[in-house]
Structures are given as structure tokens and as C-alpha cells.
Amino acid sequence: MSQGTSRAISGLHHVTAISGPPQDNLDYWVRTLGQRLVKRTVNFDDPGTYHLYYGDKDAAPGSIMTFFPFVDAGPGRAGPGMTSAVAYAIPDLERRMGELAEATIVFEGPFERFGERAIALKDPDGLRVELIEGGARDEGFHSVTLWLEEVVATAEVLEAMGYVREAEEARTTGGTDGVEARIRYRSTDPGRGSAVDLMTSDARSIGRSGAGTIHHVAFRARKQDEQLAWRARLSAAGQQITPVIDRQYFDAIYFRTPGGVLFEIATDPPGFAVDEDPDHLGEELKLPKKYEAHRDRIEQVLPHIQVPK
């Protein structure tokens, strides 16, 4: 790594998933989970589909959950070779359970994992979302769970990214309907979402991409030279990594781990305020430059959505 560049990934940047109808997704993630819609744009490869970004009030890296909401999406199913759950860190689990119960929102738990209390919910498409107690305030992401056939090869990738093995346990707390063996890795440069759980299960499931499944996990690079240094380092370790791709709000590189999970490394800059006032993020449809000339047609095709109050 170049001088001044971190020798460990500092946690998650964002997580991207697939959902069904965008209004159902928006209602749940804003009203039930309390997230802010920080960007409404379109899929770079399919401008007739939204790309919705949720995050904390500052749209900070490590809090960003994004969705490709397809109106006619078929149901997906988590299985080996996929990211099966995303977890948020919250300060007061009892209070959150009370709020959910009052709103008649069904959740699993509480249960304990690695000495931390947690509950699990499912969004309208069945995506597993865990809320894990810890910290003085809502801290954005806590971790992701990778469901794998075997963990060794993926563990080696995480170790090359500066993660270290922290703990392991076996119990049924991950939504697979089986006994799970779980190994927790944590970055030695911990930021938001600094933990990654590698999980195997004796449950039999064949994963299928679709609504309610996670498409990829993006790790954080604070600036572009850090991202390029990681690209060089991981390429030297044998990973097949894409060139840098401009995603308008960050630059991205992608590679698929030996266990089948798609990883991304995304930069902090330019950030989500590059084309909107920070106080008004997510209020207008923002398009990649290549689609701006087709705005009228795109707006006709996209379904109407309204942010819940």
C-alpha cells in the first residue's frame, strides 16, 4: 500500500439489494426502519428502473442501503454464495422493540450473538434486517452476513483486506432454519459496519437472485488513491477486479469472491450532495448525464413514488 493509505478497509460503504414495487420498499425503509431517502436516481444499465438510496441524516458512508426496485420482480431466496442479512447498530433495543410492537411490526427475538442482543425483521420482500444493540446512538451499519458453502477462501480475501478473525459460535440465529456455524471478522481500521460474519448452515437452500436478496456489498475507500491501492493489492493476490467505474456519487471497483459473493470498493467522494442541497437530498429525480437528454421519456416510464411523512 502507498504511504498514507490505510492497511485495512475501514468498514462498509453501502449495501445494494433487489426489491419489488418501489413504493412498498420506500414505505418500509422510511416509515418502519426510520431511514432517510438520500437519492432517487435510476439503474445505470436500466433507466426504466429506479435506484433508491437510503441512509442516515447526513448520507454518510457506512449507512447507505440501496435498492433496485423492480415492479414485477420475482421472489428471491438467500442461500450459499450470497449475502443473507444486513445489520444496523442501534443504542436501545428495548425501546426499538417497544416501538415496533406498538406499530404491530413482527420481529424475531430478542436473541444473543457474540454477546450482543439483537432482533431481526423482514422487509416486504423478505430481506433479513437485523438490529443489534451497541453504541451511544444509531451508528449506521453493524455488519453483514455472508452465507457460504465453506469459509476458508473468503476468509483469506477478508484477511487481505485487513480483517482479523474475532470470534466464532454455532447456534440458530440467522434465519436459515438450520444450525449455523458463524465466524466473525472485524477490520483492524474499524469504521461503520466493521464486522463481517462468515456463516455456514446445515439447512439446505439453493440461493436465487430476486426481490428480497442482496446484490452486492460495498466496502469503503476514503479517497481514490486508497481505492487504487486496494485494487493493486487485491489484484496481486489473485482477484479479478474491474476497472474503476464512475457511479456519479462514488467511484467503484468490483470483484467476485471465491465463495460467490460480489464485493465492491467504493470511494467517499464525491458524495451524495454533489448534485443536491444536503437539506433536500432525495427530493428530485437525478439522472446520470448520459440519460439526461431522455428525462421526459424516463419520467413517463418510472412509477410515481411519494416519500412517507
Protein backbone atom coordinates (compact mmCIF):
# COMPACT_ATOMS: atom_id res chain seq x y z
CA MET A 1 0.00 0.00 0.00
CA SER A 2 1.16 3.53 -0.68
CA GLN A 3 2.37 5.74 2.11
CA GLY A 4 -0.54 7.32 3.99
CA THR A 5 -3.02 4.72 2.75
CA SER A 6 -4.82 2.57 5.32
CA ARG A 7 -3.69 -1.02 5.58
CA ALA A 8 -7.24 -2.13 6.36
CA ILE A 9 -10.64 -1.41 4.88
CA SER A 10 -12.50 0.84 7.34
CA GLY A 11 -15.83 -0.96 7.09
CA LEU A 12 -18.83 -0.83 4.78
CA HIS A 13 -19.72 1.95 2.37
CA HIS A 14 -23.09 0.66 1.18
CA VAL A 15 -25.14 -2.48 0.59
CA THR A 16 -27.27 -2.94 -2.54
CA ALA A 17 -30.32 -5.19 -2.78
CA ILE A 18 -33.20 -6.04 -5.11
CA SER A 19 -36.80 -5.32 -4.20
CA GLY A 20 -40.31 -5.39 -5.55
CA PRO A 21 -42.51 -2.31 -6.10
CA PRO A 22 -40.68 0.90 -5.19
CA GLN A 23 -43.47 2.44 -3.10
CA ASP A 24 -43.67 -0.63 -0.84
CA ASN A 25 -39.91 -0.50 -0.42
CA LEU A 26 -39.95 3.24 0.29
CA ASP A 27 -42.75 2.99 2.85
CA TYR A 28 -40.98 0.28 4.83
CA TRP A 29 -37.45 1.66 4.83
CA VAL A 30 -38.53 5.19 5.70
CA ARG A 31 -41.53 4.63 7.95
CA THR A 32 -40.61 1.35 9.68
CA LEU A 33 -36.82 1.50 9.75
CA GLY A 34 -36.51 5.27 10.03
CA GLN A 35 -34.09 5.71 7.14
CA ARG A 36 -33.84 8.87 5.05
CA LEU A 37 -34.25 8.70 1.28
CA VAL A 38 -31.00 10.40 0.26
CA LYS A 39 -31.06 9.84 -3.51
CA ARG A 40 -33.56 8.85 -6.16
CA THR A 41 -31.93 8.03 -9.45
CA VAL A 42 -32.05 5.18 -11.97
CA ASN A 43 -30.22 1.96 -12.63
CA PHE A 44 -27.17 2.77 -14.79
CA ASP A 45 -27.96 -0.22 -17.01
CA ASP A 46 -31.76 0.05 -16.96
CA PRO A 47 -33.04 3.65 -16.79
CA GLY A 48 -36.62 2.42 -16.59
CA THR A 49 -35.88 1.18 -13.05
CA TYR A 50 -35.24 3.33 -10.02
CA HIS A 51 -32.11 3.13 -7.91
CA LEU A 52 -33.14 4.28 -4.42
CA TYR A 53 -30.57 5.15 -1.76
CA TYR A 54 -31.36 5.29 1.97
CA GLY A 55 -29.06 6.48 4.72
CA ASP A 56 -28.68 8.49 7.89
CA LYS A 57 -29.46 12.22 8.08
CA ASP A 58 -26.00 13.04 6.66
CA ALA A 59 -26.00 10.37 3.93
CA ALA A 60 -22.71 9.20 5.41
CA PRO A 61 -20.74 6.20 4.13
CA GLY A 62 -21.47 3.19 6.29
CA SER A 63 -25.19 3.98 6.47
CA ILE A 64 -26.21 3.68 2.81
CA MET A 65 -28.67 0.94 1.82
CA THR A 66 -29.63 0.95 -1.85
CA PHE A 67 -32.26 -0.88 -3.89
CA PHE A 68 -33.11 -1.73 -7.45
CA PRO A 69 -36.93 -1.91 -7.12
CA PHE A 70 -38.49 -3.87 -9.96
CA VAL A 71 -42.27 -3.65 -10.12
CA ASP A 72 -42.59 -7.22 -11.42
CA ALA A 73 -39.61 -8.74 -9.62
CA GLY A 74 -39.88 -12.42 -8.85
CA PRO A 75 -39.12 -13.52 -5.30
CA GLY A 76 -35.54 -14.34 -4.46
CA ARG A 77 -34.16 -16.67 -1.83
CA ALA A 78 -30.96 -16.42 0.19
CA GLY A 79 -28.58 -19.33 0.02
CA PRO A 80 -24.89 -20.24 -0.05
CA GLY A 81 -22.81 -17.82 -2.09
CA MET A 82 -24.94 -14.82 -1.10
CA THR A 83 -25.10 -12.07 1.48
CA SER A 84 -28.04 -13.22 3.57
CA ALA A 85 -28.52 -10.36 6.05
CA VAL A 86 -27.61 -6.76 6.79
CA ALA A 87 -27.39 -5.47 10.37
CA TYR A 88 -27.63 -1.99 11.88
CA ALA A 89 -26.17 -0.85 15.20
CA ILE A 90 -28.73 0.79 17.49
CA PRO A 91 -28.35 2.17 21.03
CA ASP A 92 -31.50 0.91 22.77
CA LEU A 93 -33.01 -2.41 21.75
CA GLU A 94 -35.81 -2.35 24.34
CA ARG A 95 -37.04 0.99 23.07
CA ARG A 96 -36.94 -0.17 19.45
CA MET A 97 -38.82 -3.38 20.27
CA GLY A 98 -41.48 -1.32 22.03
CA GLU A 99 -41.86 0.96 19.02
CA LEU A 100 -42.14 -2.00 16.65
CA ALA A 101 -44.67 -3.78 18.86
CA GLU A 102 -46.78 -0.63 19.09
CA ALA A 103 -46.77 -0.42 15.30
CA THR A 104 -47.64 -4.16 15.10
CA ILE A 105 -44.43 -4.92 13.22
CA VAL A 106 -43.44 -8.57 13.55
CA PHE A 107 -39.84 -9.33 14.51
CA GLU A 108 -37.74 -12.29 15.64
CA GLY A 109 -36.03 -12.23 19.00
CA PRO A 110 -34.52 -10.85 21.01
CA PHE A 111 -31.59 -13.23 20.68
CA GLU A 112 -27.91 -13.03 21.53
CA ARG A 113 -24.99 -13.33 19.13
CA PHE A 114 -21.36 -12.86 20.08
CA GLY A 115 -22.52 -11.36 23.38
CA GLU A 116 -24.72 -8.74 21.70
CA ARG A 117 -28.53 -8.57 21.88
CA ALA A 118 -30.36 -8.37 18.58
CA ILE A 119 -33.67 -8.72 16.79
CA ALA A 120 -34.41 -9.49 13.14
CA LEU A 121 -37.08 -8.19 10.79
CA LYS A 122 -38.00 -8.91 7.20
CA ASP A 123 -38.83 -6.16 4.75
CA PRO A 124 -41.83 -6.54 2.39
CA ASP A 125 -39.78 -8.74 0.05
CA GLY A 126 -38.30 -10.93 2.78
CA LEU A 127 -34.86 -9.31 3.11
CA ARG A 128 -33.49 -10.05 6.58
CA VAL A 129 -32.58 -6.90 8.51
CA GLU A 130 -31.01 -7.23 11.96
CA LEU A 131 -30.87 -4.55 14.66
CA ILE A 132 -28.00 -5.10 17.07
CA GLU A 133 -27.64 -3.21 20.33
CA GLY A 134 -24.46 -1.25 20.98
CA GLY A 135 -23.11 2.27 20.89
CA ALA A 136 -24.42 5.57 22.17
CA ARG A 137 -26.55 6.38 19.10
CA ASP A 138 -27.71 4.92 15.81
CA GLU A 139 -24.40 4.04 14.21
CA GLY A 140 -25.38 3.01 10.70
CA PHE A 141 -24.33 -0.48 9.68
CA HIS A 142 -23.12 -3.02 12.20
CA SER A 143 -22.27 -5.93 9.90
CA VAL A 144 -23.29 -8.18 7.04
CA THR A 145 -23.65 -11.97 7.00
CA LEU A 146 -22.20 -13.96 4.11
CA TRP A 147 -23.77 -17.41 3.73
CA LEU A 148 -21.10 -19.72 2.32
CA GLU A 149 -20.53 -23.37 1.47
CA GLU A 150 -17.09 -23.09 3.05
CA VAL A 151 -15.37 -20.09 4.59
CA VAL A 152 -11.62 -20.53 4.04
CA ALA A 153 -11.23 -18.87 0.64
CA THR A 154 -13.47 -15.91 1.51
CA ALA A 155 -11.71 -15.53 4.87
CA GLU A 156 -8.43 -15.20 3.01
CA VAL A 157 -9.88 -12.36 0.93
CA LEU A 158 -11.05 -10.55 4.08
CA GLU A 159 -7.64 -11.03 5.66
CA ALA A 160 -6.04 -9.46 2.59
CA MET A 161 -8.39 -6.51 3.18
CA GLY A 162 -7.13 -6.06 6.74
CA TYR A 163 -9.80 -8.06 8.60
CA VAL A 164 -8.93 -10.34 11.51
CA ARG A 165 -10.78 -13.30 12.96
CA GLU A 166 -12.50 -12.13 16.14
CA ALA A 167 -14.80 -14.92 17.39
CA GLU A 168 -16.87 -17.93 16.38
CA GLU A 169 -20.03 -19.64 17.58
CA ALA A 170 -22.66 -22.12 16.47
CA ARG A 171 -26.37 -21.54 17.05
CA THR A 172 -29.63 -20.90 15.21
CA THR A 173 -29.93 -17.12 14.94
CA GLY A 174 -29.50 -16.30 11.28
CA GLY A 175 -32.78 -17.14 9.59
CA THR A 176 -31.65 -20.26 7.72
CA ASP A 177 -33.82 -22.73 9.67
CA GLY A 178 -30.70 -24.70 10.46
CA VAL A 179 -27.78 -24.81 12.86
CA GLU A 180 -25.28 -22.18 11.79
CA ALA A 181 -21.56 -22.01 12.34
CA ARG A 182 -20.54 -18.37 12.31
CA ILE A 183 -17.08 -16.76 12.28
CA ARG A 184 -16.83 -13.02 12.85
CA TYR A 185 -14.16 -11.00 11.11
CA ARG A 186 -13.51 -7.36 12.00
CA SER A 187 -11.47 -4.69 10.29
CA THR A 188 -8.37 -3.52 12.13
CA ASP A 189 -9.33 0.01 10.99
CA PRO A 190 -12.89 -0.12 12.29
CA GLY A 191 -15.50 2.26 10.97
CA ARG A 192 -19.21 1.77 10.49
CA GLY A 193 -20.03 -1.78 9.51
CA SER A 194 -16.62 -3.05 10.52
CA ALA A 195 -17.76 -6.64 11.10
CA VAL A 196 -18.37 -9.37 8.53
CA ASP A 197 -19.84 -12.71 9.62
CA LEU A 198 -18.98 -15.79 7.58
CA MET A 199 -21.75 -18.31 8.11
CA THR A 200 -22.36 -21.90 7.08
CA SER A 201 -25.59 -23.74 7.79
CA ASP A 202 -26.81 -27.30 7.71
CA ALA A 203 -30.06 -26.02 6.18
CA ARG A 204 -30.48 -26.96 2.55
CA SER A 205 -31.16 -23.95 0.35
CA ILE A 206 -30.38 -23.04 -3.22
CA GLY A 207 -30.00 -19.28 -3.45
CA ARG A 208 -31.89 -17.42 -6.14
CA SER A 209 -31.41 -13.75 -7.03
CA GLY A 210 -34.63 -11.74 -6.91
CA ALA A 211 -36.69 -9.49 -4.70
CA GLY A 212 -35.56 -9.69 -1.09
CA THR A 213 -31.95 -10.61 -1.84
CA ILE A 214 -28.72 -8.64 -1.58
CA HIS A 215 -26.94 -7.97 -4.86
CA HIS A 216 -23.56 -6.85 -3.51
CA VAL A 217 -21.66 -5.48 -0.54
CA ALA A 218 -19.55 -2.33 -0.93
CA PHE A 219 -16.58 -1.56 1.29
CA ARG A 220 -15.27 1.91 1.94
CA ALA A 221 -12.27 3.73 0.49
CA ARG A 222 -11.89 7.25 1.87
CA LYS A 223 -10.38 8.57 -1.36
CA GLN A 224 -9.50 7.38 -4.83
CA ASP A 225 -5.79 6.71 -4.30
CA GLU A 226 -6.75 4.41 -1.44
CA GLN A 227 -9.16 2.59 -3.75
CA LEU A 228 -6.49 2.23 -6.43
CA ALA A 229 -4.04 0.88 -3.87
CA TRP A 230 -6.59 -1.74 -2.84
CA ARG A 231 -7.18 -2.63 -6.48
CA ALA A 232 -3.46 -3.23 -6.97
CA ARG A 233 -3.10 -5.19 -3.75
CA LEU A 234 -6.09 -7.47 -4.34
CA SER A 235 -5.18 -8.00 -7.99
CA ALA A 236 -1.73 -9.12 -6.88
CA ALA A 237 -3.47 -11.56 -4.52
CA GLY A 238 -5.29 -13.13 -7.48
CA GLN A 239 -8.64 -11.34 -7.53
CA GLN A 240 -10.13 -10.41 -10.92
CA ILE A 241 -11.12 -6.78 -10.41
CA THR A 242 -12.94 -4.42 -12.76
CA PRO A 243 -11.54 -1.08 -13.86
CA VAL A 244 -12.72 1.95 -11.90
CA ILE A 245 -16.35 2.76 -12.79
CA ASP A 246 -17.88 6.20 -12.26
CA ARG A 247 -21.13 5.76 -10.33
CA GLN A 248 -21.81 9.52 -10.11
CA TYR A 249 -21.75 9.63 -6.28
CA PHE A 250 -18.68 7.44 -5.86
CA ASP A 251 -16.15 5.54 -7.93
CA ALA A 252 -16.47 1.77 -7.80
CA ILE A 253 -14.46 -1.38 -8.44
CA TYR A 254 -15.97 -4.87 -8.27
CA PHE A 255 -14.80 -8.43 -7.82
CA ARG A 256 -16.47 -11.73 -7.00
CA THR A 257 -15.09 -13.63 -4.04
CA PRO A 258 -14.29 -17.36 -4.23
CA GLY A 259 -17.42 -18.02 -2.18
CA GLY A 260 -19.59 -16.35 -4.82
CA VAL A 261 -20.40 -13.03 -3.10
CA LEU A 262 -19.95 -9.86 -5.16
CA PHE A 263 -17.75 -7.27 -3.41
CA GLU A 264 -17.30 -3.62 -4.32
CA ILE A 265 -14.90 -0.99 -3.02
CA ALA A 266 -16.46 2.49 -3.26
CA THR A 267 -14.96 5.90 -2.61
CA ASP A 268 -16.37 8.50 -0.22
CA PRO A 269 -16.12 11.35 -2.76
CA PRO A 270 -17.82 12.98 -4.46
CA GLY A 271 -20.73 12.04 -2.17
CA PHE A 272 -24.49 12.47 -2.39
CA ALA A 273 -24.54 16.26 -2.06
CA VAL A 274 -22.68 16.70 -5.35
CA ASP A 275 -25.94 17.42 -7.21
CA GLU A 276 -28.43 18.32 -4.43
CA ASP A 277 -28.53 20.56 -1.40
CA PRO A 278 -27.78 18.42 1.70
CA ASP A 279 -31.08 19.53 3.25
CA HIS A 280 -33.05 18.34 0.23
CA LEU A 281 -31.46 15.02 -0.68
CA GLY A 282 -33.75 12.56 -2.40
CA GLU A 283 -36.45 15.08 -3.25
CA GLU A 284 -35.88 15.12 -7.02
CA LEU A 285 -35.09 12.52 -9.65
CA LYS A 286 -31.40 12.75 -10.53
CA LEU A 287 -30.17 11.14 -13.73
CA PRO A 288 -26.73 10.12 -14.95
CA LYS A 289 -25.54 12.58 -17.59
CA LYS A 290 -25.95 10.02 -20.38
CA TYR A 291 -29.69 9.82 -19.67
CA GLU A 292 -30.49 13.50 -19.08
CA ALA A 293 -31.50 14.06 -22.70
CA HIS A 294 -34.13 11.33 -22.26
CA ARG A 295 -35.56 12.68 -18.98
CA ASP A 296 -39.13 13.18 -20.25
CA ARG A 297 -39.39 9.61 -21.50
CA ILE A 298 -37.78 8.16 -18.37
CA GLU A 299 -40.14 10.09 -16.09
CA GLN A 300 -43.09 8.73 -18.06
CA VAL A 301 -41.89 5.14 -17.60
CA LEU A 302 -40.94 5.29 -13.92
CA PRO A 303 -43.79 4.65 -11.46
CA HIS A 304 -44.84 7.56 -9.27
CA ILE A 305 -43.47 7.37 -5.73
CA GLN A 306 -44.08 9.51 -2.66
CA VAL A 307 -41.87 9.72 0.42
CA PRO A 308 -43.95 8.95 3.52
CA LYS A 309 -44.18 11.69 6.13
